Amino acid sequence: MNAQELRDKTPDQLREDLVQLKKEAFNLRFQQATGQVENTARMRTVRRDVARVKTILNEKAAAAASEA
């Protein structure tokens, strides 16, 4: 998931993506605690994707605030 793909989405779609990513991060944390996680690098990519989505949401909010 790259930043350009995220910028093309609406804020509602971004919020949905954020919820899904947070659920995945939660599940990965549980798998790690029980020793069942297979791809440890996935935790890092999910965490970075969450940060990317939040950044784009903040950019869109700032742009909307400056227009109003």
PDB file of N, CA and C in Angstrom:
ATOM      1  N   MET A   1       0.855  -1.163   0.000  1.00  0.00           N
ATOM      2  CA  MET A   1       0.000   0.000   0.000  1.00  0.00           C
ATOM      3  C   MET A   1       0.910   1.238   0.000  1.00  0.00           C
ATOM      4  N   ASN A   2       0.817   2.038  -1.070  1.00  0.00           N
ATOM      5  CA  ASN A   2       1.649   3.231  -1.100  1.00  0.00           C
ATOM      6  C   ASN A   2       0.813   4.487  -0.887  1.00  0.00           C
ATOM      7  N   ALA A   3       1.488   5.589  -0.683  1.00  0.00           N
ATOM      8  CA  ALA A   3       0.812   6.829  -0.315  1.00  0.00           C
ATOM      9  C   ALA A   3      -0.098   7.328  -1.429  1.00  0.00           C
ATOM     10  N   GLN A   4       0.291   7.124  -2.679  1.00  0.00           N
ATOM     11  CA  GLN A   4      -0.534   7.620  -3.783  1.00  0.00           C
ATOM     12  C   GLN A   4      -1.871   6.881  -3.840  1.00  0.00           C
ATOM     13  N   GLU A   5      -1.853   5.594  -3.599  1.00  0.00           N
ATOM     14  CA  GLU A   5      -3.106   4.827  -3.564  1.00  0.00           C
ATOM     15  C   GLU A   5      -4.012   5.352  -2.456  1.00  0.00           C
ATOM     16  N   LEU A   6      -3.418   5.690  -1.318  1.00  0.00           N
ATOM     17  CA  LEU A   6      -4.205   6.186  -0.191  1.00  0.00           C
ATOM     18  C   LEU A   6      -4.774   7.573  -0.467  1.00  0.00           C
ATOM     19  N   ARG A   7      -4.019   8.408  -1.158  1.00  0.00           N
ATOM     20  CA  ARG A   7      -4.505   9.762  -1.448  1.00  0.00           C
ATOM     21  C   ARG A   7      -5.706   9.744  -2.388  1.00  0.00           C
ATOM     22  N   ASP A   8      -5.832   8.678  -3.181  1.00  0.00           N
ATOM     23  CA  ASP A   8      -6.954   8.563  -4.111  1.00  0.00           C
ATOM     24  C   ASP A   8      -8.242   8.127  -3.421  1.00  0.00           C
ATOM     25  N   LYS A   9      -8.138   7.656  -2.180  1.00  0.00           N
ATOM     26  CA  LYS A   9      -9.313   7.168  -1.456  1.00  0.00           C
ATOM     27  C   LYS A   9     -10.002   8.305  -0.705  1.00  0.00           C
ATOM     28  N   THR A  10     -11.266   8.074  -0.380  1.00  0.00           N
ATOM     29  CA  THR A  10     -12.015   9.052   0.406  1.00  0.00           C
ATOM     30  C   THR A  10     -11.683   8.854   1.886  1.00  0.00           C
ATOM     31  N   PRO A  11     -11.948   9.867   2.722  1.00  0.00           N
ATOM     32  CA  PRO A  11     -11.686   9.703   4.160  1.00  0.00           C
ATOM     33  C   PRO A  11     -12.424   8.516   4.787  1.00  0.00           C
ATOM     34  N   ASP A  12     -13.635   8.250   4.318  1.00  0.00           N
ATOM     35  CA  ASP A  12     -14.379   7.100   4.858  1.00  0.00           C
ATOM     36  C   ASP A  12     -13.678   5.783   4.530  1.00  0.00           C
ATOM     37  N   GLN A  13     -13.184   5.665   3.306  1.00  0.00           N
ATOM     38  CA  GLN A  13     -12.464   4.459   2.923  1.00  0.00           C
ATOM     39  C   GLN A  13     -11.180   4.322   3.732  1.00  0.00           C
ATOM     40  N   LEU A  14     -10.523   5.444   3.989  1.00  0.00           N
ATOM     41  CA  LEU A  14      -9.293   5.414   4.784  1.00  0.00           C
ATOM     42  C   LEU A  14      -9.573   4.968   6.215  1.00  0.00           C
ATOM     43  N   ARG A  15     -10.683   5.427   6.776  1.00  0.00           N
ATOM     44  CA  ARG A  15     -11.038   5.008   8.138  1.00  0.00           C
ATOM     45  C   ARG A  15     -11.315   3.515   8.197  1.00  0.00           C
ATOM     46  N   GLU A  16     -11.968   2.987   7.151  1.00  0.00           N
ATOM     47  CA  GLU A  16     -12.232   1.546   7.089  1.00  0.00           C
ATOM     48  C   GLU A  16     -10.916   0.769   7.013  1.00  0.00           C
ATOM     49  N   ASP A  17      -9.994   1.271   6.186  1.00  0.00           N
ATOM     50  CA  ASP A  17      -8.679   0.626   6.082  1.00  0.00           C
ATOM     51  C   ASP A  17      -7.965   0.651   7.427  1.00  0.00           C
ATOM     52  N   LEU A  18      -8.085   1.766   8.135  1.00  0.00           N
ATOM     53  CA  LEU A  18      -7.428   1.906   9.428  1.00  0.00           C
ATOM     54  C   LEU A  18      -7.972   0.887  10.434  1.00  0.00           C
ATOM     55  N   VAL A  19      -9.274   0.700  10.433  1.00  0.00           N
ATOM     56  CA  VAL A  19      -9.890  -0.279  11.336  1.00  0.00           C
ATOM     57  C   VAL A  19      -9.385  -1.687  11.012  1.00  0.00           C
ATOM     58  N   GLN A  20      -9.323  -2.023   9.723  1.00  0.00           N
ATOM     59  CA  GLN A  20      -8.853  -3.347   9.329  1.00  0.00           C
ATOM     60  C   GLN A  20      -7.387  -3.562   9.716  1.00  0.00           C
ATOM     61  N   LEU A  21      -6.575  -2.532   9.511  1.00  0.00           N
ATOM     62  CA  LEU A  21      -5.159  -2.655   9.863  1.00  0.00           C
ATOM     63  C   LEU A  21      -4.970  -2.808  11.370  1.00  0.00           C
ATOM     64  N   LYS A  22      -5.761  -2.087  12.148  1.00  0.00           N
ATOM     65  CA  LYS A  22      -5.645  -2.200  13.599  1.00  0.00           C
ATOM     66  C   LYS A  22      -6.070  -3.579  14.080  1.00  0.00           C
ATOM     67  N   LYS A  23      -7.108  -4.152  13.448  1.00  0.00           N
ATOM     68  CA  LYS A  23      -7.521  -5.509  13.795  1.00  0.00           C
ATOM     69  C   LYS A  23      -6.411  -6.504  13.467  1.00  0.00           C
ATOM     70  N   GLU A  24      -5.783  -6.312  12.307  1.00  0.00           N
ATOM     71  CA  GLU A  24      -4.704  -7.211  11.916  1.00  0.00           C
ATOM     72  C   GLU A  24      -3.522  -7.094  12.883  1.00  0.00           C
ATOM     73  N   ALA A  25      -3.203  -5.871  13.292  1.00  0.00           N
ATOM     74  CA  ALA A  25      -2.108  -5.669  14.241  1.00  0.00           C
ATOM     75  C   ALA A  25      -2.428  -6.353  15.571  1.00  0.00           C
ATOM     76  N   PHE A  26      -3.673  -6.248  16.005  1.00  0.00           N
ATOM     77  CA  PHE A  26      -4.099  -6.901  17.242  1.00  0.00           C
ATOM     78  C   PHE A  26      -3.911  -8.413  17.144  1.00  0.00           C
ATOM     79  N   ASN A  27      -4.359  -8.985  16.033  1.00  0.00           N
ATOM     80  CA  ASN A  27      -4.227 -10.429  15.839  1.00  0.00           C
ATOM     81  C   ASN A  27      -2.764 -10.857  15.778  1.00  0.00           C
ATOM     82  N   LEU A  28      -1.936 -10.049  15.139  1.00  0.00           N
ATOM     83  CA  LEU A  28      -0.514 -10.377  15.056  1.00  0.00           C
ATOM     84  C   LEU A  28       0.147 -10.339  16.432  1.00  0.00           C
ATOM     85  N   ARG A  29      -0.274  -9.385  17.265  1.00  0.00           N
ATOM     86  CA  ARG A  29       0.278  -9.319  18.620  1.00  0.00           C
ATOM     87  C   ARG A  29      -0.086 -10.573  19.411  1.00  0.00           C
ATOM     88  N   PHE A  30      -1.319 -11.040  19.244  1.00  0.00           N
ATOM     89  CA  PHE A  30      -1.731 -12.260  19.939  1.00  0.00           C
ATOM     90  C   PHE A  30      -0.950 -13.462  19.432  1.00  0.00           C
ATOM     91  N   GLN A  31      -0.766 -13.533  18.116  1.00  0.00           N
ATOM     92  CA  GLN A  31      -0.007 -14.650  17.551  1.00  0.00           C
ATOM     93  C   GLN A  31       1.429 -14.631  18.047  1.00  0.00           C
ATOM     94  N   GLN A  32       1.998 -13.442  18.178  1.00  0.00           N
ATOM     95  CA  GLN A  32       3.367 -13.349  18.670  1.00  0.00           C
ATOM     96  C   GLN A  32       3.466 -13.810  20.126  1.00  0.00           C
ATOM     97  N   ALA A  33       2.479 -13.446  20.916  1.00  0.00           N
ATOM     98  CA  ALA A  33       2.483 -13.814  22.327  1.00  0.00           C
ATOM     99  C   ALA A  33       2.380 -15.322  22.512  1.00  0.00           C
ATOM    100  N   THR A  34       1.672 -15.976  21.604  1.00  0.00           N
ATOM    101  CA  THR A  34       1.516 -17.426  21.724  1.00  0.00           C
ATOM    102  C   THR A  34       2.538 -18.186  20.884  1.00  0.00           C
ATOM    103  N   GLY A  35       3.424 -17.472  20.197  1.00  0.00           N
ATOM    104  CA  GLY A  35       4.460 -18.110  19.397  1.00  0.00           C
ATOM    105  C   GLY A  35       3.978 -18.685  18.091  1.00  0.00           C
ATOM    106  N   GLN A  36       2.885 -18.187  17.565  1.00  0.00           N
ATOM    107  CA  GLN A  36       2.311 -18.729  16.338  1.00  0.00           C
ATOM    108  C   GLN A  36       2.544 -17.845  15.117  1.00  0.00           C
ATOM    109  N   VAL A  37       3.182 -16.696  15.299  1.00  0.00           N
ATOM    110  CA  VAL A  37       3.351 -15.782  14.175  1.00  0.00           C
ATOM    111  C   VAL A  37       4.345 -16.388  13.175  1.00  0.00           C
ATOM    112  N   GLU A  38       3.962 -16.391  11.894  1.00  0.00           N
ATOM    113  CA  GLU A  38       4.794 -16.997  10.860  1.00  0.00           C
ATOM    114  C   GLU A  38       5.665 -15.950  10.174  1.00  0.00           C
ATOM    115  N   ASN A  39       5.086 -14.781   9.900  1.00  0.00           N
ATOM    116  CA  ASN A  39       5.825 -13.738   9.198  1.00  0.00           C
ATOM    117  C   ASN A  39       6.008 -12.552  10.141  1.00  0.00           C
ATOM    118  N   THR A  40       7.137 -12.493  10.792  1.00  0.00           N
ATOM    119  CA  THR A  40       7.368 -11.431  11.773  1.00  0.00           C
ATOM    120  C   THR A  40       7.502 -10.068  11.115  1.00  0.00           C
ATOM    121  N   ALA A  41       7.898 -10.026   9.861  1.00  0.00           N
ATOM    122  CA  ALA A  41       8.044  -8.746   9.147  1.00  0.00           C
ATOM    123  C   ALA A  41       6.684  -8.107   8.887  1.00  0.00           C
ATOM    124  N   ARG A  42       5.640  -8.901   8.906  1.00  0.00           N
ATOM    125  CA  ARG A  42       4.299  -8.366   8.646  1.00  0.00           C
ATOM    126  C   ARG A  42       3.893  -7.361   9.725  1.00  0.00           C
ATOM    127  N   MET A  43       4.346  -7.570  10.949  1.00  0.00           N
ATOM    128  CA  MET A  43       4.013  -6.641  12.031  1.00  0.00           C
ATOM    129  C   MET A  43       4.551  -5.246  11.705  1.00  0.00           C
ATOM    130  N   ARG A  44       5.759  -5.201  11.190  1.00  0.00           N
ATOM    131  CA  ARG A  44       6.366  -3.918  10.843  1.00  0.00           C
ATOM    132  C   ARG A  44       5.614  -3.233   9.705  1.00  0.00           C
ATOM    133  N   THR A  45       5.242  -3.993   8.674  1.00  0.00           N
ATOM    134  CA  THR A  45       4.544  -3.389   7.539  1.00  0.00           C
ATOM    135  C   THR A  45       3.161  -2.894   7.946  1.00  0.00           C
ATOM    136  N   VAL A  46       2.481  -3.642   8.815  1.00  0.00           N
ATOM    137  CA  VAL A  46       1.160  -3.215   9.277  1.00  0.00           C
ATOM    138  C   VAL A  46       1.274  -1.930  10.085  1.00  0.00           C
ATOM    139  N   ARG A  47       2.275  -1.862  10.961  1.00  0.00           N
ATOM    140  CA  ARG A  47       2.470  -0.668  11.777  1.00  0.00           C
ATOM    141  C   ARG A  47       2.765   0.551  10.894  1.00  0.00           C
ATOM    142  N   ARG A  48       3.548   0.357   9.864  1.00  0.00           N
ATOM    143  CA  ARG A  48       3.867   1.462   8.958  1.00  0.00           C
ATOM    144  C   ARG A  48       2.663   1.858   8.107  1.00  0.00           C
ATOM    145  N   ASP A  49       1.859   0.869   7.708  1.00  0.00           N
ATOM    146  CA  ASP A  49       0.648   1.180   6.948  1.00  0.00           C
ATOM    147  C   ASP A  49      -0.332   1.984   7.793  1.00  0.00           C
ATOM    148  N   VAL A  50      -0.444   1.656   9.082  1.00  0.00           N
ATOM    149  CA  VAL A  50      -1.309   2.418   9.982  1.00  0.00           C
ATOM    150  C   VAL A  50      -0.833   3.864  10.029  1.00  0.00           C
ATOM    151  N   ALA A  51       0.461   4.060  10.149  1.00  0.00           N
ATOM    152  CA  ALA A  51       1.009   5.414  10.199  1.00  0.00           C
ATOM    153  C   ALA A  51       0.749   6.151   8.895  1.00  0.00           C
ATOM    154  N   ARG A  52       0.875   5.456   7.768  1.00  0.00           N
ATOM    155  CA  ARG A  52       0.622   6.069   6.469  1.00  0.00           C
ATOM    156  C   ARG A  52      -0.829   6.528   6.351  1.00  0.00           C
ATOM    157  N   VAL A  53      -1.753   5.661   6.756  1.00  0.00           N
ATOM    158  CA  VAL A  53      -3.178   6.001   6.668  1.00  0.00           C
ATOM    159  C   VAL A  53      -3.491   7.203   7.564  1.00  0.00           C
ATOM    160  N   LYS A  54      -2.954   7.209   8.776  1.00  0.00           N
ATOM    161  CA  LYS A  54      -3.203   8.328   9.681  1.00  0.00           C
ATOM    162  C   LYS A  54      -2.644   9.630   9.114  1.00  0.00           C
ATOM    163  N   THR A  55      -1.471   9.570   8.496  1.00  0.00           N
ATOM    164  CA  THR A  55      -0.860  10.757   7.917  1.00  0.00           C
ATOM    165  C   THR A  55      -1.726  11.319   6.796  1.00  0.00           C
ATOM    166  N   ILE A  56      -2.213  10.458   5.922  1.00  0.00           N
ATOM    167  CA  ILE A  56      -3.046  10.911   4.804  1.00  0.00           C
ATOM    168  C   ILE A  56      -4.359  11.488   5.327  1.00  0.00           C
ATOM    169  N   LEU A  57      -4.941  10.850   6.355  1.00  0.00           N
ATOM    170  CA  LEU A  57      -6.173  11.381   6.944  1.00  0.00           C
ATOM    171  C   LEU A  57      -5.940  12.786   7.506  1.00  0.00           C
ATOM    172  N   ASN A  58      -4.813  12.978   8.185  1.00  0.00           N
ATOM    173  CA  ASN A  58      -4.508  14.297   8.731  1.00  0.00           C
ATOM    174  C   ASN A  58      -4.276  15.316   7.626  1.00  0.00           C
ATOM    175  N   GLU A  59      -3.640  14.914   6.538  1.00  0.00           N
ATOM    176  CA  GLU A  59      -3.436  15.819   5.409  1.00  0.00           C
ATOM    177  C   GLU A  59      -4.775  16.243   4.818  1.00  0.00           C
ATOM    178  N   LYS A  60      -5.676  15.276   4.654  1.00  0.00           N
ATOM    179  CA  LYS A  60      -6.995  15.613   4.099  1.00  0.00           C
ATOM    180  C   LYS A  60      -7.784  16.511   5.031  1.00  0.00           C
ATOM    181  N   ALA A  61      -7.681  16.286   6.328  1.00  0.00           N
ATOM    182  CA  ALA A  61      -8.379  17.121   7.301  1.00  0.00           C
ATOM    183  C   ALA A  61      -7.819  18.544   7.277  1.00  0.00           C
ATOM    184  N   ALA A  62      -6.510  18.674   7.185  1.00  0.00           N
ATOM    185  CA  ALA A  62      -5.896  19.997   7.139  1.00  0.00           C
ATOM    186  C   ALA A  62      -6.275  20.745   5.869  1.00  0.00           C
ATOM    187  N   ALA A  63      -6.352  20.027   4.759  1.00  0.00           N
ATOM    188  CA  ALA A  63      -6.731  20.642   3.485  1.00  0.00           C
ATOM    189  C   ALA A  63      -8.186  21.114   3.550  1.00  0.00           C
ATOM    190  N   ALA A  64      -9.045  20.314   4.161  1.00  0.00           N
ATOM    191  CA  ALA A  64     -10.460  20.696   4.275  1.00  0.00           C
ATOM    192  C   ALA A  64     -10.611  21.908   5.205  1.00  0.00           C
ATOM    193  N   ALA A  65      -9.812  21.960   6.258  1.00  0.00           N
ATOM    194  CA  ALA A  65      -9.895  23.071   7.199  1.00  0.00           C
ATOM    195  C   ALA A  65      -9.397  24.370   6.571  1.00  0.00           C
ATOM    196  N   SER A  66      -8.387  24.269   5.718  1.00  0.00           N
ATOM    197  CA  SER A  66      -7.850  25.482   5.103  1.00  0.00           C
ATOM    198  C   SER A  66      -8.785  26.011   4.020  1.00  0.00           C
ATOM    199  N   GLU A  67      -9.585  25.131   3.411  1.00  0.00           N
ATOM    200  CA  GLU A  67     -10.535  25.568   2.392  1.00  0.00           C
ATOM    201  C   GLU A  67     -11.736  26.267   3.019  1.00  0.00           C
ATOM    202  N   ALA A  68     -12.106  25.859   4.199  1.00  0.00           N
ATOM    203  CA  ALA A  68     -13.308  26.408   4.842  1.00  0.00           C
ATOM    204  C   ALA A  68     -13.048  27.735   5.519  1.00  0.00           C
TER     205      ALA A  68
END
